[in-house]
């Protein structure tokens, strides 16, 4: 009985052993890690576009045009409403040529003079304009209120546009200073009267008549300013021949032209008499030539003497 049990046990053991040796079923594949899932993330929101004005260059201010000045240019003085005419810079012939039979020794030699640009009054200063200076207490009343034929000349509205007379060089100087101007130099006066070509009169070499100047004692008195426009100078100044004598800035020197500076002469440094130019209504043709010179003490006053002013040549 025992023998029977042992083989049985033996076979059971073998069976168990066989079972233990039998290949195991396929091993489970190792777990493959899951592929990461791409997470779509919206990009950060961009800031809203804002219109930004870029700085622009500020345009430069438009320059104020500077007027081009030349022959024919005019302006009005704010002090007395005097029209001034422009005389450009440059040279001109001053004095009288030897060929002028009417010339005096103090007008010679004829010589070239160079001047800077300047302005000169178109007419002689009038009664009405001079009165403005009196009202401003910057000028003295003329020595007399009459003219040669008129008892009430100065201060009479009927003659407001006639040249002021009975004024000394000092009075003329005071007026021009009040008006923001000055007396012209003798050289400036002559250039304004005759231009650059050495002509005898402001209008040329033709002898004068009453359409050109108040002269020869025809009217026997002062004429209204600007009443002979045909006698205008090359720059548009009128009454520079006849009507009334005109004070200029210079001291008188009889031989001054023999040694005067070539550029911007202003007369002798000193003297006893001031220069007068242009002649008057009592003078004949030789006495109203543009080169004719006359002289009197600065205190001299007459029914035949007036003045006009000048200014430096700025616009």
C-alpha atoms as a PDB file:
ATOM      1  CA  UNK A   1       0.000   0.000   0.000  1.00  0.00           C
ATOM      2  CA  UNK A   2       2.811   2.216   0.728  1.00  0.00           C
ATOM      3  CA  UNK A   3       4.350   1.558  -2.668  1.00  0.00           C
ATOM      4  CA  UNK A   4       1.224   2.697  -4.352  1.00  0.00           C
ATOM      5  CA  UNK A   5       1.185   6.042  -2.486  1.00  0.00           C
ATOM      6  CA  UNK A   6       4.747   7.016  -3.212  1.00  0.00           C
ATOM      7  CA  UNK A   7       4.425   6.826  -7.058  1.00  0.00           C
ATOM      8  CA  UNK A   8       1.274   8.828  -6.781  1.00  0.00           C
ATOM      9  CA  UNK A   9       3.099  11.381  -4.752  1.00  0.00           C
ATOM     10  CA  UNK A  10       5.893  11.231  -7.214  1.00  0.00           C
ATOM     11  CA  UNK A  11       3.603  11.975 -10.118  1.00  0.00           C
ATOM     12  CA  UNK A  12       1.971  14.785  -8.215  1.00  0.00           C
ATOM     13  CA  UNK A  13       5.379  16.251  -7.470  1.00  0.00           C
ATOM     14  CA  UNK A  14       6.363  15.913 -11.103  1.00  0.00           C
ATOM     15  CA  UNK A  15       3.158  17.565 -12.157  1.00  0.00           C
ATOM     16  CA  UNK A  16       3.748  20.405  -9.833  1.00  0.00           C
ATOM     17  CA  UNK A  17       7.304  20.684 -11.007  1.00  0.00           C
ATOM     18  CA  UNK A  18       6.158  20.672 -14.588  1.00  0.00           C
ATOM     19  CA  UNK A  19       3.732  23.324 -13.807  1.00  0.00           C
ATOM     20  CA  UNK A  20       6.425  25.444 -12.243  1.00  0.00           C
ATOM     21  CA  UNK A  21       8.691  24.963 -15.245  1.00  0.00           C
ATOM     22  CA  UNK A  22       6.040  25.686 -17.814  1.00  0.00           C
ATOM     23  CA  UNK A  23       6.705  28.976 -19.591  1.00  0.00           C
ATOM     24  CA  UNK A  24       4.697  31.750 -18.224  1.00  0.00           C
ATOM     25  CA  UNK A  25       2.287  33.459 -20.434  1.00  0.00           C
ATOM     26  CA  UNK A  26       3.413  36.555 -22.189  1.00  0.00           C
ATOM     27  CA  UNK A  27       4.466  39.178 -19.695  1.00  0.00           C
ATOM     28  CA  UNK A  28       2.410  42.255 -19.552  1.00  0.00           C
ATOM     29  CA  UNK A  29       4.033  45.023 -21.501  1.00  0.00           C
ATOM     30  CA  UNK A  30       5.342  47.664 -19.268  1.00  0.00           C
ATOM     31  CA  UNK A  31       3.026  50.653 -19.090  1.00  0.00           C
ATOM     32  CA  UNK A  32       3.934  53.229 -21.671  1.00  0.00           C
ATOM     33  CA  UNK A  33       3.623  56.605 -20.214  1.00  0.00           C
ATOM     34  CA  UNK A  34       0.929  58.576 -21.905  1.00  0.00           C
ATOM     35  CA  UNK A  35       2.131  61.086 -24.394  1.00  0.00           C
ATOM     36  CA  UNK A  36       1.695  64.490 -23.007  1.00  0.00           C
ATOM     37  CA  UNK A  37      -1.281  66.231 -24.493  1.00  0.00           C
ATOM     38  CA  UNK A  38      -0.339  69.589 -26.030  1.00  0.00           C
ATOM     39  CA  UNK A  39      -2.261  72.236 -24.258  1.00  0.00           C
ATOM     40  CA  UNK A  40      -3.070  75.136 -26.579  1.00  0.00           C
ATOM     41  CA  UNK A  41      -2.702  78.311 -24.667  1.00  0.00           C
ATOM     42  CA  UNK A  42      -3.909  81.536 -26.205  1.00  0.00           C
ATOM     43  CA  UNK A  43      -1.076  84.049 -26.610  1.00  0.00           C
ATOM     44  CA  UNK A  44      -1.228  87.002 -24.321  1.00  0.00           C
ATOM     45  CA  UNK A  45      -3.517  89.641 -25.641  1.00  0.00           C
ATOM     46  CA  UNK A  46      -1.721  92.468 -27.430  1.00  0.00           C
ATOM     47  CA  UNK A  47      -2.552  95.927 -26.221  1.00  0.00           C
ATOM     48  CA  UNK A  48      -5.028  97.726 -28.392  1.00  0.00           C
ATOM     49  CA  UNK A  49      -3.354  99.851 -31.000  1.00  0.00           C
ATOM     50  CA  UNK A  50      -3.527 103.477 -30.027  1.00  0.00           C
ATOM     51  CA  UNK A  51      -2.939 106.155 -32.613  1.00  0.00           C
ATOM     52  CA  UNK A  52       0.087 108.077 -31.469  1.00  0.00           C
ATOM     53  CA  UNK A  53       0.793 111.394 -33.146  1.00  0.00           C
ATOM     54  CA  UNK A  54       4.449 111.529 -33.915  1.00  0.00           C
ATOM     55  CA  UNK A  55       6.011 114.878 -33.289  1.00  0.00           C
ATOM     56  CA  UNK A  56       6.256 116.930 -36.428  1.00  0.00           C
ATOM     57  CA  UNK A  57       8.669 119.743 -37.170  1.00  0.00           C
ATOM     58  CA  UNK A  58       7.069 123.097 -36.502  1.00  0.00           C
ATOM     59  CA  UNK A  59       7.389 125.138 -39.658  1.00  0.00           C
ATOM     60  CA  UNK A  60       9.518 128.212 -39.145  1.00  0.00           C
ATOM     61  CA  UNK A  61       7.612 131.471 -39.007  1.00  0.00           C
ATOM     62  CA  UNK A  62       7.238 133.149 -42.348  1.00  0.00           C
ATOM     63  CA  UNK A  63       9.719 135.992 -42.408  1.00  0.00           C
ATOM     64  CA  UNK A  64       8.309 139.429 -42.910  1.00  0.00           C
ATOM     65  CA  UNK A  65       9.337 140.458 -46.386  1.00  0.00           C
ATOM     66  CA  UNK A  66      11.781 143.331 -46.459  1.00  0.00           C
ATOM     67  CA  UNK A  67      10.718 145.834 -49.069  1.00  0.00           C
ATOM     68  CA  UNK A  68      13.078 146.282 -51.967  1.00  0.00           C
ATOM     69  CA  UNK A  69      14.054 149.922 -52.001  1.00  0.00           C
ATOM     70  CA  UNK A  70      15.027 151.895 -55.050  1.00  0.00           C
ATOM     71  CA  UNK A  71      14.306 155.009 -57.054  1.00  0.00           C
ATOM     72  CA  UNK A  72      10.608 155.705 -56.636  1.00  0.00           C
ATOM     73  CA  UNK A  73      10.308 154.184 -53.135  1.00  0.00           C
ATOM     74  CA  UNK A  74       8.391 156.317 -50.675  1.00  0.00           C
ATOM     75  CA  UNK A  75       7.351 156.229 -47.051  1.00  0.00           C
ATOM     76  CA  UNK A  76       5.366 158.424 -44.671  1.00  0.00           C
ATOM     77  CA  UNK A  77       6.806 159.860 -41.477  1.00  0.00           C
ATOM     78  CA  UNK A  78       4.569 159.032 -38.486  1.00  0.00           C
ATOM     79  CA  UNK A  79       5.280 162.317 -36.708  1.00  0.00           C
ATOM     80  CA  UNK A  80       3.960 164.734 -39.335  1.00  0.00           C
ATOM     81  CA  UNK A  81       2.729 162.602 -42.280  1.00  0.00           C
ATOM     82  CA  UNK A  82       5.525 163.925 -44.483  1.00  0.00           C
ATOM     83  CA  UNK A  83       6.127 161.827 -47.582  1.00  0.00           C
ATOM     84  CA  UNK A  84       9.794 160.930 -47.961  1.00  0.00           C
ATOM     85  CA  UNK A  85      11.483 159.741 -51.141  1.00  0.00           C
ATOM     86  CA  UNK A  86      14.364 157.269 -51.239  1.00  0.00           C
ATOM     87  CA  UNK A  87      17.808 158.087 -52.593  1.00  0.00           C
ATOM     88  CA  UNK A  88      19.900 154.917 -53.159  1.00  0.00           C
ATOM     89  CA  UNK A  89      23.525 154.631 -52.150  1.00  0.00           C
ATOM     90  CA  UNK A  90      26.135 155.428 -54.768  1.00  0.00           C
ATOM     91  CA  UNK A  91      28.192 158.145 -56.387  1.00  0.00           C
ATOM     92  CA  UNK A  92      27.177 161.384 -58.086  1.00  0.00           C
ATOM     93  CA  UNK A  93      28.812 164.496 -59.499  1.00  0.00           C
ATOM     94  CA  UNK A  94      28.814 167.346 -56.977  1.00  0.00           C
ATOM     95  CA  UNK A  95      29.568 170.965 -57.816  1.00  0.00           C
ATOM     96  CA  UNK A  96      29.818 172.734 -61.157  1.00  0.00           C
ATOM     97  CA  UNK A  97      31.881 171.983 -64.214  1.00  0.00           C
ATOM     98  CA  UNK A  98      34.179 174.615 -65.670  1.00  0.00           C
ATOM     99  CA  UNK A  99      31.883 174.691 -68.705  1.00  0.00           C
ATOM    100  CA  UNK A 100      29.037 176.145 -66.599  1.00  0.00           C
ATOM    101  CA  UNK A 101      29.333 179.878 -67.193  1.00  0.00           C
ATOM    102  CA  UNK A 102      26.980 180.636 -64.309  1.00  0.00           C
ATOM    103  CA  UNK A 103      29.052 178.770 -61.727  1.00  0.00           C
ATOM    104  CA  UNK A 104      30.812 180.458 -58.821  1.00  0.00           C
ATOM    105  CA  UNK A 105      34.222 179.583 -57.439  1.00  0.00           C
ATOM    106  CA  UNK A 106      32.810 177.922 -54.306  1.00  0.00           C
ATOM    107  CA  UNK A 107      30.980 175.369 -56.516  1.00  0.00           C
ATOM    108  CA  UNK A 108      34.262 174.052 -57.942  1.00  0.00           C
ATOM    109  CA  UNK A 109      35.831 171.734 -58.677  1.00  0.00           C
ATOM    110  CA  UNK A 110      33.112 169.354 -59.786  1.00  0.00           C
ATOM    111  CA  UNK A 111      33.964 166.062 -58.096  1.00  0.00           C
ATOM    112  CA  UNK A 112      32.606 162.559 -57.505  1.00  0.00           C
ATOM    113  CA  UNK A 113      31.057 161.953 -54.082  1.00  0.00           C
ATOM    114  CA  UNK A 114      29.812 158.629 -52.711  1.00  0.00           C
ATOM    115  CA  UNK A 115      26.924 158.600 -50.257  1.00  0.00           C
ATOM    116  CA  UNK A 116      25.070 155.947 -48.312  1.00  0.00           C
ATOM    117  CA  UNK A 117      21.359 155.535 -48.948  1.00  0.00           C
ATOM    118  CA  UNK A 118      19.024 158.062 -47.331  1.00  0.00           C
ATOM    119  CA  UNK A 119      15.483 159.415 -47.342  1.00  0.00           C
ATOM    120  CA  UNK A 120      14.593 163.044 -47.957  1.00  0.00           C
ATOM    121  CA  UNK A 121      11.310 164.914 -47.542  1.00  0.00           C
ATOM    122  CA  UNK A 122       9.399 165.173 -50.810  1.00  0.00           C
ATOM    123  CA  UNK A 123       8.534 168.811 -50.105  1.00  0.00           C
ATOM    124  CA  UNK A 124       9.618 171.567 -47.817  1.00  0.00           C
ATOM    125  CA  UNK A 125       8.104 171.372 -44.335  1.00  0.00           C
ATOM    126  CA  UNK A 126       4.736 173.131 -44.388  1.00  0.00           C
ATOM    127  CA  UNK A 127       3.019 175.553 -42.036  1.00  0.00           C
ATOM    128  CA  UNK A 128       0.587 172.856 -40.943  1.00  0.00           C
ATOM    129  CA  UNK A 129       3.346 170.376 -40.167  1.00  0.00           C
ATOM    130  CA  UNK A 130       5.426 172.942 -38.302  1.00  0.00           C
ATOM    131  CA  UNK A 131       2.425 173.814 -36.147  1.00  0.00           C
ATOM    132  CA  UNK A 132       2.323 170.196 -34.905  1.00  0.00           C
ATOM    133  CA  UNK A 133       5.802 170.696 -33.505  1.00  0.00           C
ATOM    134  CA  UNK A 134       4.721 173.932 -31.838  1.00  0.00           C
ATOM    135  CA  UNK A 135       1.715 172.260 -30.230  1.00  0.00           C
ATOM    136  CA  UNK A 136       4.117 169.610 -28.904  1.00  0.00           C
ATOM    137  CA  UNK A 137       6.182 172.481 -27.442  1.00  0.00           C
ATOM    138  CA  UNK A 138       9.256 171.333 -29.328  1.00  0.00           C
ATOM    139  CA  UNK A 139       9.421 174.263 -31.760  1.00  0.00           C
ATOM    140  CA  UNK A 140       9.290 178.043 -31.539  1.00  0.00           C
ATOM    141  CA  UNK A 141       6.781 180.058 -33.506  1.00  0.00           C
ATOM    142  CA  UNK A 142       8.160 181.571 -36.739  1.00  0.00           C
ATOM    143  CA  UNK A 143       9.525 185.086 -36.349  1.00  0.00           C
ATOM    144  CA  UNK A 144       6.580 186.490 -38.322  1.00  0.00           C
ATOM    145  CA  UNK A 145       3.172 185.184 -39.347  1.00  0.00           C
ATOM    146  CA  UNK A 146       3.181 187.069 -42.682  1.00  0.00           C
ATOM    147  CA  UNK A 147       4.676 186.273 -46.080  1.00  0.00           C
ATOM    148  CA  UNK A 148       5.684 188.786 -48.732  1.00  0.00           C
ATOM    149  CA  UNK A 149       2.107 189.531 -49.876  1.00  0.00           C
ATOM    150  CA  UNK A 150      -0.002 187.890 -47.149  1.00  0.00           C
ATOM    151  CA  UNK A 151      -0.525 189.432 -43.727  1.00  0.00           C
ATOM    152  CA  UNK A 152      -1.860 186.193 -42.247  1.00  0.00           C
ATOM    153  CA  UNK A 153       0.247 183.387 -43.641  1.00  0.00           C
ATOM    154  CA  UNK A 154       1.400 181.182 -40.775  1.00  0.00           C
ATOM    155  CA  UNK A 155      -1.525 179.856 -38.755  1.00  0.00           C
ATOM    156  CA  UNK A 156      -4.011 180.543 -41.558  1.00  0.00           C
ATOM    157  CA  UNK A 157      -5.674 177.252 -42.659  1.00  0.00           C
ATOM    158  CA  UNK A 158      -5.699 178.524 -46.250  1.00  0.00           C
ATOM    159  CA  UNK A 159      -1.891 178.264 -46.278  1.00  0.00           C
ATOM    160  CA  UNK A 160      -1.425 175.108 -44.214  1.00  0.00           C
ATOM    161  CA  UNK A 161       0.151 173.347 -47.223  1.00  0.00           C
ATOM    162  CA  UNK A 162       2.609 176.133 -48.006  1.00  0.00           C
ATOM    163  CA  UNK A 163       6.247 176.093 -46.825  1.00  0.00           C
ATOM    164  CA  UNK A 164       6.934 177.401 -43.352  1.00  0.00           C
ATOM    165  CA  UNK A 165       9.169 180.490 -43.483  1.00  0.00           C
ATOM    166  CA  UNK A 166      10.793 182.876 -41.037  1.00  0.00           C
ATOM    167  CA  UNK A 167      12.656 180.002 -39.386  1.00  0.00           C
ATOM    168  CA  UNK A 168      16.340 179.891 -38.476  1.00  0.00           C
ATOM    169  CA  UNK A 169      18.772 176.987 -38.867  1.00  0.00           C
ATOM    170  CA  UNK A 170      18.269 176.310 -35.171  1.00  0.00           C
ATOM    171  CA  UNK A 171      14.494 176.175 -35.640  1.00  0.00           C
ATOM    172  CA  UNK A 172      14.870 173.790 -38.574  1.00  0.00           C
ATOM    173  CA  UNK A 173      17.200 171.583 -36.581  1.00  0.00           C
ATOM    174  CA  UNK A 174      14.747 171.461 -33.665  1.00  0.00           C
ATOM    175  CA  UNK A 175      11.858 170.507 -35.937  1.00  0.00           C
ATOM    176  CA  UNK A 176      13.724 167.682 -37.669  1.00  0.00           C
ATOM    177  CA  UNK A 177      14.801 166.304 -34.302  1.00  0.00           C
ATOM    178  CA  UNK A 178      11.201 166.380 -33.029  1.00  0.00           C
ATOM    179  CA  UNK A 179      10.030 164.571 -36.170  1.00  0.00           C
ATOM    180  CA  UNK A 180      12.649 161.823 -35.729  1.00  0.00           C
ATOM    181  CA  UNK A 181      14.654 163.024 -38.696  1.00  0.00           C
ATOM    182  CA  UNK A 182      17.557 165.412 -39.276  1.00  0.00           C
ATOM    183  CA  UNK A 183      18.676 168.110 -41.662  1.00  0.00           C
ATOM    184  CA  UNK A 184      20.268 166.710 -44.827  1.00  0.00           C
ATOM    185  CA  UNK A 185      23.954 167.235 -45.393  1.00  0.00           C
ATOM    186  CA  UNK A 186      24.866 169.554 -48.241  1.00  0.00           C
ATOM    187  CA  UNK A 187      25.974 166.562 -50.311  1.00  0.00           C
ATOM    188  CA  UNK A 188      22.739 164.684 -49.631  1.00  0.00           C
ATOM    189  CA  UNK A 189      20.688 167.712 -50.606  1.00  0.00           C
ATOM    190  CA  UNK A 190      22.541 168.133 -53.892  1.00  0.00           C
ATOM    191  CA  UNK A 191      22.299 164.476 -54.866  1.00  0.00           C
ATOM    192  CA  UNK A 192      18.580 164.432 -54.068  1.00  0.00           C
ATOM    193  CA  UNK A 193      18.154 167.528 -56.242  1.00  0.00           C
ATOM    194  CA  UNK A 194      20.131 166.565 -59.347  1.00  0.00           C
ATOM    195  CA  UNK A 195      20.696 162.806 -59.385  1.00  0.00           C
ATOM    196  CA  UNK A 196      23.939 161.232 -60.537  1.00  0.00           C
ATOM    197  CA  UNK A 197      24.597 162.767 -63.945  1.00  0.00           C
ATOM    198  CA  UNK A 198      25.642 166.330 -63.089  1.00  0.00           C
ATOM    199  CA  UNK A 199      22.524 167.991 -64.528  1.00  0.00           C
ATOM    200  CA  UNK A 200      22.111 171.693 -63.890  1.00  0.00           C
ATOM    201  CA  UNK A 201      18.528 171.636 -62.583  1.00  0.00           C
ATOM    202  CA  UNK A 202      16.463 168.903 -60.915  1.00  0.00           C
ATOM    203  CA  UNK A 203      14.616 168.200 -64.181  1.00  0.00           C
ATOM    204  CA  UNK A 204      17.670 168.383 -66.470  1.00  0.00           C
ATOM    205  CA  UNK A 205      19.547 171.127 -68.333  1.00  0.00           C
ATOM    206  CA  UNK A 206      16.501 172.844 -69.851  1.00  0.00           C
ATOM    207  CA  UNK A 207      16.100 176.420 -68.564  1.00  0.00           C
ATOM    208  CA  UNK A 208      13.253 176.803 -66.060  1.00  0.00           C
ATOM    209  CA  UNK A 209       9.745 178.097 -66.587  1.00  0.00           C
ATOM    210  CA  UNK A 210       6.808 178.462 -64.195  1.00  0.00           C
ATOM    211  CA  UNK A 211       5.692 174.853 -64.745  1.00  0.00           C
ATOM    212  CA  UNK A 212       9.028 173.733 -63.320  1.00  0.00           C
ATOM    213  CA  UNK A 213       9.719 176.180 -60.483  1.00  0.00           C
ATOM    214  CA  UNK A 214       8.536 179.272 -58.614  1.00  0.00           C
ATOM    215  CA  UNK A 215      11.351 181.655 -59.543  1.00  0.00           C
ATOM    216  CA  UNK A 216      12.151 185.034 -61.063  1.00  0.00           C
ATOM    217  CA  UNK A 217       9.733 186.845 -58.717  1.00  0.00           C
ATOM    218  CA  UNK A 218       6.873 186.039 -61.067  1.00  0.00           C
ATOM    219  CA  UNK A 219       4.469 185.200 -58.235  1.00  0.00           C
ATOM    220  CA  UNK A 220       6.215 187.584 -55.848  1.00  0.00           C
ATOM    221  CA  UNK A 221       5.554 185.163 -52.987  1.00  0.00           C
ATOM    222  CA  UNK A 222       5.824 181.592 -51.787  1.00  0.00           C
ATOM    223  CA  UNK A 223       3.922 178.976 -53.816  1.00  0.00           C
ATOM    224  CA  UNK A 224       1.997 176.013 -52.425  1.00  0.00           C
ATOM    225  CA  UNK A 225       4.205 172.970 -51.811  1.00  0.00           C
ATOM    226  CA  UNK A 226       4.321 170.649 -54.807  1.00  0.00           C
ATOM    227  CA  UNK A 227       2.636 173.106 -57.181  1.00  0.00           C
ATOM    228  CA  UNK A 228       5.298 172.550 -59.869  1.00  0.00           C
ATOM    229  CA  UNK A 229       5.471 168.739 -60.181  1.00  0.00           C
ATOM    230  CA  UNK A 230       7.146 168.996 -63.576  1.00  0.00           C
ATOM    231  CA  UNK A 231      10.268 170.190 -61.783  1.00  0.00           C
ATOM    232  CA  UNK A 232      10.657 167.044 -59.682  1.00  0.00           C
ATOM    233  CA  UNK A 233      14.126 165.614 -59.190  1.00  0.00           C
ATOM    234  CA  UNK A 234      15.115 162.127 -60.413  1.00  0.00           C
ATOM    235  CA  UNK A 235      14.015 160.747 -57.020  1.00  0.00           C
ATOM    236  CA  UNK A 236      10.662 162.540 -56.893  1.00  0.00           C
ATOM    237  CA  UNK A 237      11.539 165.450 -54.597  1.00  0.00           C
ATOM    238  CA  UNK A 238       9.806 168.688 -55.607  1.00  0.00           C
ATOM    239  CA  UNK A 239      10.485 172.402 -55.102  1.00  0.00           C
ATOM    240  CA  UNK A 240      14.235 171.878 -54.909  1.00  0.00           C
ATOM    241  CA  UNK A 241      14.687 174.782 -57.302  1.00  0.00           C
ATOM    242  CA  UNK A 242      13.157 178.112 -56.299  1.00  0.00           C
ATOM    243  CA  UNK A 243      10.230 178.735 -53.935  1.00  0.00           C
ATOM    244  CA  UNK A 244      12.249 179.013 -50.662  1.00  0.00           C
ATOM    245  CA  UNK A 245      15.866 178.540 -49.682  1.00  0.00           C
ATOM    246  CA  UNK A 246      16.481 175.408 -47.621  1.00  0.00           C
ATOM    247  CA  UNK A 247      18.777 175.036 -44.640  1.00  0.00           C
ATOM    248  CA  UNK A 248      21.160 172.063 -44.683  1.00  0.00           C
ATOM    249  CA  UNK A 249      23.273 170.659 -41.876  1.00  0.00           C
ATOM    250  CA  UNK A 250      26.757 171.812 -42.943  1.00  0.00           C
ATOM    251  CA  UNK A 251      28.863 174.733 -41.929  1.00  0.00           C
ATOM    252  CA  UNK A 252      29.864 176.768 -44.969  1.00  0.00           C
ATOM    253  CA  UNK A 253      33.407 176.629 -46.318  1.00  0.00           C
ATOM    254  CA  UNK A 254      34.185 178.561 -49.488  1.00  0.00           C
ATOM    255  CA  UNK A 255      36.945 176.196 -50.589  1.00  0.00           C
ATOM    256  CA  UNK A 256      35.500 173.047 -49.013  1.00  0.00           C
ATOM    257  CA  UNK A 257      35.116 171.258 -52.350  1.00  0.00           C
ATOM    258  CA  UNK A 258      38.874 171.405 -52.935  1.00  0.00           C
ATOM    259  CA  UNK A 259      39.587 169.064 -50.009  1.00  0.00           C
ATOM    260  CA  UNK A 260      36.300 167.470 -48.947  1.00  0.00           C
ATOM    261  CA  UNK A 261      36.191 163.696 -48.306  1.00  0.00           C
ATOM    262  CA  UNK A 262      35.141 161.559 -51.247  1.00  0.00           C
ATOM    263  CA  UNK A 263      32.680 159.545 -49.130  1.00  0.00           C
ATOM    264  CA  UNK A 264      29.847 161.007 -47.031  1.00  0.00           C
ATOM    265  CA  UNK A 265      31.190 164.559 -46.545  1.00  0.00           C
ATOM    266  CA  UNK A 266      29.533 166.510 -43.739  1.00  0.00           C
ATOM    267  CA  UNK A 267      31.108 169.932 -44.202  1.00  0.00           C
ATOM    268  CA  UNK A 268      33.771 171.767 -42.196  1.00  0.00           C
ATOM    269  CA  UNK A 269      34.104 170.957 -38.521  1.00  0.00           C
ATOM    270  CA  UNK A 270      33.237 174.517 -37.536  1.00  0.00           C
ATOM    271  CA  UNK A 271      32.283 177.868 -38.972  1.00  0.00           C
ATOM    272  CA  UNK A 272      30.144 180.960 -38.543  1.00  0.00           C
ATOM    273  CA  UNK A 273      27.574 180.405 -41.305  1.00  0.00           C
ATOM    274  CA  UNK A 274      25.388 177.482 -42.361  1.00  0.00           C
ATOM    275  CA  UNK A 275      24.699 176.479 -45.952  1.00  0.00           C
ATOM    276  CA  UNK A 276      21.430 177.226 -47.762  1.00  0.00           C
ATOM    277  CA  UNK A 277      20.456 175.522 -51.030  1.00  0.00           C
ATOM    278  CA  UNK A 278      17.916 175.730 -53.840  1.00  0.00           C
ATOM    279  CA  UNK A 279      17.324 179.451 -54.352  1.00  0.00           C
ATOM    280  CA  UNK A 280      13.990 181.167 -53.789  1.00  0.00           C
ATOM    281  CA  UNK A 281      11.053 182.678 -55.621  1.00  0.00           C
ATOM    282  CA  UNK A 282      12.966 185.978 -56.087  1.00  0.00           C
ATOM    283  CA  UNK A 283      15.977 184.427 -57.842  1.00  0.00           C
ATOM    284  CA  UNK A 284      16.500 184.097 -61.574  1.00  0.00           C
ATOM    285  CA  UNK A 285      17.579 180.885 -63.320  1.00  0.00           C
ATOM    286  CA  UNK A 286      21.302 180.969 -62.344  1.00  0.00           C
ATOM    287  CA  UNK A 287      20.342 181.241 -58.679  1.00  0.00           C
ATOM    288  CA  UNK A 288      18.171 178.106 -58.655  1.00  0.00           C
ATOM    289  CA  UNK A 289      20.778 175.763 -60.161  1.00  0.00           C
ATOM    290  CA  UNK A 290      21.261 172.548 -58.137  1.00  0.00           C
ATOM    291  CA  UNK A 291      24.917 173.382 -57.436  1.00  0.00           C
ATOM    292  CA  UNK A 292      24.371 176.976 -56.317  1.00  0.00           C
ATOM    293  CA  UNK A 293      25.456 177.635 -52.732  1.00  0.00           C
ATOM    294  CA  UNK A 294      24.447 180.346 -50.278  1.00  0.00           C
ATOM    295  CA  UNK A 295      25.241 180.911 -46.627  1.00  0.00           C
ATOM    296  CA  UNK A 296      23.878 182.746 -43.594  1.00  0.00           C
ATOM    297  CA  UNK A 297      24.305 182.786 -39.815  1.00  0.00           C
ATOM    298  CA  UNK A 298      22.327 180.034 -38.035  1.00  0.00           C
ATOM    299  CA  UNK A 299      20.042 182.675 -36.487  1.00  0.00           C
ATOM    300  CA  UNK A 300      19.072 184.210 -39.842  1.00  0.00           C
ATOM    301  CA  UNK A 301      15.335 184.274 -40.682  1.00  0.00           C
ATOM    302  CA  UNK A 302      13.577 185.436 -43.829  1.00  0.00           C
ATOM    303  CA  UNK A 303      10.354 185.248 -45.844  1.00  0.00           C
ATOM    304  CA  UNK A 304      12.414 183.315 -48.403  1.00  0.00           C
ATOM    305  CA  UNK A 305      13.898 180.654 -46.115  1.00  0.00           C
ATOM    306  CA  UNK A 306      12.470 177.267 -45.115  1.00  0.00           C
ATOM    307  CA  UNK A 307      13.810 173.708 -44.908  1.00  0.00           C
ATOM    308  CA  UNK A 308      13.200 170.001 -45.434  1.00  0.00           C
ATOM    309  CA  UNK A 309      14.448 167.015 -43.391  1.00  0.00           C
ATOM    310  CA  UNK A 310      16.226 163.756 -44.179  1.00  0.00           C
ATOM    311  CA  UNK A 311      16.707 160.338 -42.574  1.00  0.00           C
ATOM    312  CA  UNK A 312      19.206 157.510 -42.797  1.00  0.00           C
ATOM    313  CA  UNK A 313      18.437 154.897 -45.431  1.00  0.00           C
ATOM    314  CA  UNK A 314      16.678 152.200 -43.402  1.00  0.00           C
ATOM    315  CA  UNK A 315      13.238 150.977 -44.575  1.00  0.00           C
END
